[in-house]
Protein backbone atom coordinates (compact mmCIF):
# COMPACT_ATOMS: atom_id res chain seq x y z
CA UNK A 1 131.64 195.01 -32.95
CA UNK A 2 131.25 191.54 -32.88
CA UNK A 3 132.45 190.23 -36.01
CA UNK A 4 130.41 186.93 -38.59
CA UNK A 5 130.95 183.43 -38.71
CA UNK A 6 132.96 182.69 -41.07
CA UNK A 7 131.54 180.40 -43.58
CA UNK A 8 132.78 176.67 -43.68
CA UNK A 9 134.95 175.92 -46.32
CA UNK A 10 135.02 173.70 -49.17
CA UNK A 11 136.62 170.30 -48.73
CA UNK A 12 139.88 170.43 -50.56
CA UNK A 13 139.73 168.62 -54.17
CA UNK A 14 141.76 165.72 -54.27
CA UNK A 15 145.04 165.97 -56.73
CA UNK A 16 146.36 163.11 -58.64
CA UNK A 17 149.98 162.41 -57.99
CA UNK A 18 152.12 162.40 -60.32
CA UNK A 19 153.90 158.83 -60.24
CA UNK A 20 157.66 160.10 -60.28
CA UNK A 21 156.64 162.29 -57.46
CA UNK A 22 154.90 159.23 -55.63
CA UNK A 23 158.27 157.45 -56.65
CA UNK A 24 160.66 160.13 -55.06
CA UNK A 25 158.55 160.62 -51.40
CA UNK A 26 158.17 156.84 -51.37
CA UNK A 27 162.29 156.36 -51.66
CA UNK A 28 163.13 159.78 -49.12
CA UNK A 29 160.81 159.65 -46.33
CA UNK A 30 161.98 157.48 -43.64
CA UNK A 31 158.67 156.66 -41.27
CA UNK A 32 161.15 155.24 -38.01
CA UNK A 33 163.02 159.28 -38.17
CA UNK A 34 158.90 160.56 -39.20
CA UNK A 35 158.01 158.81 -35.57
CA UNK A 36 160.90 159.57 -34.20
CA UNK A 37 160.17 163.34 -34.47
CA UNK A 38 156.54 162.82 -33.41
CA UNK A 39 157.60 160.99 -30.56
CA UNK A 40 160.22 164.21 -30.09
CA UNK A 41 157.18 166.51 -30.18
CA UNK A 42 154.46 165.05 -28.24
CA UNK A 43 156.85 164.59 -25.81
CA UNK A 44 158.51 168.20 -25.76
CA UNK A 45 155.69 170.31 -26.39
CA UNK A 46 157.53 171.29 -29.25
CA UNK A 47 159.57 174.36 -30.89
CA UNK A 48 158.81 177.45 -31.56
CA UNK A 49 157.81 179.00 -35.00
CA UNK A 50 161.06 181.67 -33.65
CA UNK A 51 162.66 179.73 -32.98
CA UNK A 52 163.19 178.63 -36.29
CA UNK A 53 162.34 181.17 -38.44
CA UNK A 54 165.99 181.65 -39.64
CA UNK A 55 166.62 178.38 -41.11
CA UNK A 56 163.35 178.11 -43.09
CA UNK A 57 164.02 182.42 -44.69
CA UNK A 58 167.74 180.63 -44.92
CA UNK A 59 166.33 177.49 -46.93
CA UNK A 60 163.86 179.63 -49.09
CA UNK A 61 166.71 182.63 -50.15
CA UNK A 62 168.44 179.71 -51.01
CA UNK A 63 171.33 180.64 -48.87
């Protein structure tokens, strides 16, 4: 039995970023590190979720 296509989603609403969060992000974000990661993903195709899900779960658990 074919399913009906989903209706288009509403575009996300814009939420103002608090100045202290923006300042923190600007201090911790390293453009070179980010671009290096993007180049690595493009070159290798990235990693499947299974490759790092345990690490993500550990962070969520606080261990």
